Amino acid sequence: MKKRGISTWIGVAVALVIAFVACTSLWNIIKEKAEAENRIAIVIDDMGCDVSPVYEILSIDIPITLSILPSRPFSMEAAEKARKKGREIILHLPMEPRGYPEENPGEGCLYIRMSHEEIEKQLEEDIAAVPFISGVNNHMGSRFMEDEDRVETVLKQLKKKELFFLDSLTTRNSKGKRIAEKIGTKYIARDVFIDNNRDFIETRERLIDIIEKKDRWKTLVLIGHPHTSTIEAIRETVPLFRAEGIEVVTLSDLLN
């Protein structure tokens, strides 16, 4: 009887092991398939100066992220409307470019001449000017983003507030990634500007090229601007993204 009981328990144990291995293998297959899927985040910069593009962007049935400039005529309204539609909102933080003062980033800008205390104060004001944000990306900033000390000041404050940083990569010498890794701020970088020339056909072709080359990438961050040509190019390519199994997600989704 004892031998039979032992044999029964051994049989049960073997069956459990086999079931566990089978479930583990199935989970690995599902996980590998999920990891193999193409995902993109689409960010529209320079929001807040006009309200009409907000309605147009929110009418597109994908989770486009709105990057809103601080203290503009429609900054608050844009954030509130995006929030109601469940869209992700980030602060489009003005930073000093190499072309300053000919290139003017506008109100709320962080300048190289500022002390660390002044940078922190201006950053606080800019964050307060755009509610509901989950992160920040730089508006211009080709000079500012090359200054390690000042970039560190900004990213430390973002970490304290549990905000991520999207590096627009307006300079090849950006210190964003290195500083973010050093201090532990969540970081992601732009891959493609989709609308440098404000041309509908060119923007649409760029999006189609991304789709056609989906075997060369897994995730991408695309940045555009609230031009009618850009909005319509995105609207037209949404069915193509879906047909090719490319999922449009938020920046937070990519980070997590």
Protein backbone atom coordinates (compact mmCIF):
# COMPACT_ATOMS: atom_id res chain seq x y z
CA MET A 1 0.00 0.00 0.00
CA LYS A 2 2.83 2.35 0.91
CA LYS A 3 4.57 1.71 -2.42
CA ARG A 4 1.32 2.36 -4.30
CA GLY A 5 0.80 5.61 -2.35
CA ILE A 6 4.34 6.73 -3.11
CA SER A 7 3.89 5.90 -6.79
CA THR A 8 0.67 7.93 -6.88
CA TRP A 9 2.36 10.97 -5.35
CA ILE A 10 5.28 10.62 -7.76
CA GLY A 11 2.80 10.51 -10.64
CA VAL A 12 1.06 13.63 -9.40
CA ALA A 13 4.37 15.42 -8.96
CA VAL A 14 5.50 14.52 -12.48
CA ALA A 15 2.17 15.71 -13.89
CA LEU A 16 2.51 19.03 -12.05
CA VAL A 17 6.03 19.50 -13.34
CA ILE A 18 4.90 18.79 -16.91
CA ALA A 19 2.00 21.23 -16.54
CA PHE A 20 4.31 23.89 -15.12
CA VAL A 21 6.79 23.48 -17.97
CA ALA A 22 3.97 23.66 -20.53
CA CYS A 23 2.52 26.83 -18.95
CA THR A 24 5.96 28.40 -18.73
CA SER A 25 6.63 27.64 -22.39
CA LEU A 26 3.26 29.08 -23.40
CA TRP A 27 3.91 32.23 -21.34
CA ASN A 28 7.34 32.64 -22.97
CA ILE A 29 5.76 32.36 -26.43
CA ILE A 30 3.14 34.98 -25.55
CA LYS A 31 5.79 37.24 -24.02
CA GLU A 32 8.09 36.91 -27.05
CA LYS A 33 5.20 37.71 -29.38
CA ALA A 34 4.26 40.79 -27.35
CA GLU A 35 7.86 41.97 -27.31
CA ALA A 36 8.09 41.47 -31.08
CA GLU A 37 5.18 43.79 -31.82
CA ASN A 38 5.95 47.25 -33.21
CA ARG A 39 4.93 50.14 -31.00
CA ILE A 40 5.21 53.88 -31.61
CA ALA A 41 4.50 57.00 -29.60
CA ILE A 42 3.44 60.11 -31.50
CA VAL A 43 4.08 63.48 -29.82
CA ILE A 44 2.77 66.80 -31.12
CA ASP A 45 4.91 69.71 -29.89
CA ASP A 46 4.18 73.45 -29.67
CA MET A 47 0.65 73.10 -28.36
CA GLY A 48 -1.05 75.95 -26.51
CA CYS A 49 -0.75 78.80 -28.99
CA ASP A 50 -4.02 77.99 -30.79
CA VAL A 51 -6.97 75.88 -29.74
CA SER A 52 -8.16 74.60 -33.14
CA PRO A 53 -5.35 72.01 -33.58
CA VAL A 54 -6.28 70.57 -30.18
CA TYR A 55 -9.74 69.61 -31.44
CA GLU A 56 -8.30 68.14 -34.65
CA ILE A 57 -5.70 66.04 -32.82
CA LEU A 58 -8.17 64.80 -30.23
CA SER A 59 -10.55 63.73 -33.00
CA ILE A 60 -8.00 61.14 -34.20
CA ASP A 61 -8.69 57.81 -32.48
CA ILE A 62 -5.16 57.06 -31.29
CA PRO A 63 -3.39 58.14 -28.07
CA ILE A 64 -1.36 61.05 -29.45
CA THR A 65 0.65 62.80 -26.73
CA LEU A 66 0.23 66.57 -26.50
CA SER A 67 3.35 68.56 -25.61
CA ILE A 68 2.14 71.94 -24.38
CA LEU A 69 4.14 75.15 -24.11
CA PRO A 70 3.81 77.00 -20.78
CA SER A 71 1.96 80.29 -20.32
CA ARG A 72 0.53 80.46 -23.83
CA PRO A 73 -3.00 81.71 -24.56
CA PHE A 74 -4.48 78.19 -24.69
CA SER A 75 -2.05 76.16 -22.55
CA MET A 76 -4.56 75.47 -19.78
CA GLU A 77 -7.45 74.81 -22.16
CA ALA A 78 -5.38 72.41 -24.26
CA ALA A 79 -4.37 70.46 -21.16
CA GLU A 80 -7.90 70.30 -19.81
CA LYS A 81 -9.38 69.08 -23.10
CA ALA A 82 -6.63 66.48 -23.55
CA ARG A 83 -7.18 65.29 -20.00
CA LYS A 84 -10.91 64.82 -20.59
CA LYS A 85 -10.11 62.67 -23.64
CA GLY A 86 -7.66 60.56 -21.64
CA ARG A 87 -4.61 61.67 -23.60
CA GLU A 88 -1.12 61.93 -22.18
CA ILE A 89 0.15 65.47 -21.59
CA ILE A 90 3.72 66.65 -21.24
CA LEU A 91 5.30 70.06 -20.74
CA HIS A 92 7.11 71.46 -23.78
CA LEU A 93 9.86 73.19 -21.82
CA PRO A 94 11.51 76.16 -23.61
CA MET A 95 15.31 76.07 -23.50
CA GLU A 96 17.97 78.30 -24.98
CA PRO A 97 18.97 77.39 -28.56
CA ARG A 98 22.27 78.12 -30.27
CA GLY A 99 20.53 80.69 -32.45
CA TYR A 100 19.35 82.84 -29.53
CA PRO A 101 18.30 85.68 -29.59
CA GLU A 102 17.40 85.42 -33.30
CA GLU A 103 15.67 82.15 -32.42
CA ASN A 104 13.46 82.98 -29.47
CA PRO A 105 12.00 80.08 -27.43
CA GLY A 106 9.43 82.38 -25.88
CA GLU A 107 8.08 82.80 -22.37
CA GLY A 108 9.20 80.41 -19.67
CA CYS A 109 12.62 79.73 -21.19
CA LEU A 110 15.61 78.29 -19.33
CA TYR A 111 18.81 80.15 -20.21
CA ILE A 112 22.47 79.29 -19.76
CA ARG A 113 23.03 82.55 -17.88
CA MET A 114 20.61 81.47 -15.14
CA SER A 115 21.82 80.23 -11.77
CA HIS A 116 20.66 76.82 -10.55
CA GLU A 117 18.17 78.54 -8.24
CA GLU A 118 16.77 80.59 -11.11
CA ILE A 119 16.43 77.48 -13.26
CA GLU A 120 14.56 75.66 -10.51
CA LYS A 121 12.22 78.62 -9.97
CA GLN A 122 11.43 78.98 -13.68
CA LEU A 123 10.91 75.23 -14.02
CA GLU A 124 8.42 75.30 -11.14
CA GLU A 125 6.48 78.09 -12.84
CA ASP A 126 6.44 76.25 -16.16
CA ILE A 127 5.24 73.01 -14.59
CA ALA A 128 2.48 74.90 -12.78
CA ALA A 129 1.40 76.48 -16.08
CA VAL A 130 0.55 73.11 -17.68
CA PRO A 131 -1.52 70.80 -15.46
CA PHE A 132 -1.85 67.01 -15.62
CA ILE A 133 1.63 66.37 -17.06
CA SER A 134 3.41 63.02 -16.81
CA GLY A 135 6.68 64.23 -18.34
CA VAL A 136 8.66 66.99 -20.00
CA ASN A 137 10.43 67.48 -23.32
CA ASN A 138 12.64 70.31 -24.51
CA HIS A 139 11.48 73.06 -26.85
CA MET A 140 14.58 74.09 -28.84
CA GLY A 141 17.45 73.85 -26.33
CA SER A 142 20.38 73.09 -28.63
CA ARG A 143 22.65 75.17 -26.35
CA PHE A 144 21.06 74.42 -22.99
CA MET A 145 21.04 70.63 -23.48
CA GLU A 146 24.81 70.64 -23.99
CA ASP A 147 25.44 72.10 -20.51
CA GLU A 148 25.81 69.16 -18.09
CA ASP A 149 25.37 71.12 -14.87
CA ARG A 150 22.17 72.83 -15.96
CA VAL A 151 20.71 69.69 -17.49
CA GLU A 152 21.38 67.92 -14.20
CA THR A 153 19.57 70.68 -12.31
CA VAL A 154 16.49 70.16 -14.49
CA LEU A 155 16.50 66.37 -14.43
CA LYS A 156 16.96 66.23 -10.65
CA GLN A 157 13.82 68.31 -10.24
CA LEU A 158 11.92 66.09 -12.67
CA LYS A 159 12.97 63.00 -10.74
CA LYS A 160 11.71 64.54 -7.48
CA LYS A 161 8.36 65.16 -9.13
CA GLU A 162 8.29 61.68 -10.71
CA LEU A 163 8.23 63.12 -14.22
CA PHE A 164 10.03 61.53 -17.16
CA PHE A 165 12.15 63.41 -19.69
CA LEU A 166 11.73 63.07 -23.45
CA ASP A 167 14.89 64.34 -25.13
CA SER A 168 13.91 66.02 -28.38
CA LEU A 169 17.57 65.70 -29.44
CA THR A 170 17.84 69.17 -30.93
CA THR A 171 21.61 68.74 -30.63
CA ARG A 172 23.82 65.71 -31.21
CA ASN A 173 25.74 66.67 -28.07
CA SER A 174 22.78 66.43 -25.72
CA LYS A 175 23.78 65.45 -22.20
CA GLY A 176 20.27 64.26 -21.41
CA LYS A 177 20.81 60.50 -21.54
CA ARG A 178 24.09 60.52 -19.61
CA ILE A 179 22.73 62.69 -16.82
CA ALA A 180 19.45 60.76 -16.65
CA GLU A 181 21.35 57.48 -16.25
CA LYS A 182 23.62 59.07 -13.65
CA ILE A 183 20.84 60.34 -11.37
CA GLY A 184 18.05 57.88 -12.23
CA THR A 185 15.53 60.08 -14.04
CA LYS A 186 13.22 58.23 -16.43
CA TYR A 187 14.44 59.04 -19.94
CA ILE A 188 13.36 58.43 -23.51
CA ALA A 189 14.59 60.03 -26.74
CA ARG A 190 13.03 61.18 -29.97
CA ASP A 191 13.72 58.97 -33.00
CA VAL A 192 12.12 60.86 -35.89
CA PHE A 193 10.90 64.39 -36.62
CA ILE A 194 8.10 63.71 -39.10
CA ASP A 195 7.35 67.18 -40.48
CA ASN A 196 10.42 69.36 -40.94
CA ASN A 197 9.01 71.00 -44.09
CA ARG A 198 5.30 71.31 -43.24
CA ASP A 199 4.44 69.37 -46.38
CA PHE A 200 1.53 66.91 -46.33
CA ILE A 201 2.91 64.57 -49.00
CA GLU A 202 6.39 64.51 -47.47
CA THR A 203 5.05 63.88 -43.96
CA ARG A 204 2.74 61.11 -45.18
CA GLU A 205 5.57 59.48 -47.13
CA ARG A 206 7.78 59.57 -44.06
CA LEU A 207 5.09 57.81 -42.03
CA ILE A 208 4.57 55.23 -44.76
CA ASP A 209 8.34 54.64 -44.91
CA ILE A 210 8.31 53.94 -41.17
CA ILE A 211 5.53 51.41 -41.70
CA GLU A 212 7.28 49.71 -44.61
CA LYS A 213 10.48 49.33 -42.56
CA LYS A 214 8.80 47.94 -39.45
CA ASP A 215 11.06 44.88 -39.50
CA ARG A 216 14.00 47.20 -38.69
CA TRP A 217 12.60 48.58 -35.43
CA LYS A 218 10.53 47.60 -32.40
CA THR A 219 9.70 50.96 -30.82
CA LEU A 220 9.89 54.52 -32.10
CA VAL A 221 9.17 57.99 -30.76
CA LEU A 222 7.87 60.34 -33.45
CA ILE A 223 7.61 64.10 -32.96
CA GLY A 224 5.49 66.39 -35.10
CA HIS A 225 3.92 69.82 -34.87
CA PRO A 226 0.35 71.13 -34.99
CA HIS A 227 0.35 71.92 -38.71
CA THR A 228 -2.76 70.98 -40.67
CA SER A 229 -0.56 68.99 -43.06
CA THR A 230 0.88 66.94 -40.18
CA ILE A 231 -2.47 66.26 -38.54
CA GLU A 232 -4.04 65.11 -41.81
CA ALA A 233 -1.03 62.94 -42.70
CA ILE A 234 -1.33 61.19 -39.33
CA ARG A 235 -5.09 60.80 -39.76
CA GLU A 236 -4.64 59.16 -43.17
CA THR A 237 -1.98 56.71 -42.00
CA VAL A 238 -3.81 55.46 -38.89
CA PRO A 239 -5.56 52.66 -40.88
CA LEU A 240 -2.19 51.63 -42.31
CA PHE A 241 -0.63 51.41 -38.85
CA ARG A 242 -3.49 49.20 -37.72
CA ALA A 243 -3.38 47.02 -40.83
CA GLU A 244 0.31 46.35 -40.24
CA GLY A 245 -0.16 45.59 -36.55
CA ILE A 246 1.69 48.70 -35.39
CA GLU A 247 0.32 49.90 -32.06
CA VAL A 248 0.29 53.59 -31.21
CA VAL A 249 0.91 54.01 -27.47
CA THR A 250 1.81 56.72 -24.97
CA LEU A 251 5.34 57.62 -23.95
CA SER A 252 4.59 56.19 -20.52
CA ASP A 253 3.70 52.86 -22.15
CA LEU A 254 7.06 52.76 -23.91
CA LEU A 255 8.91 53.67 -20.72
CA ASN A 256 7.10 51.03 -18.67
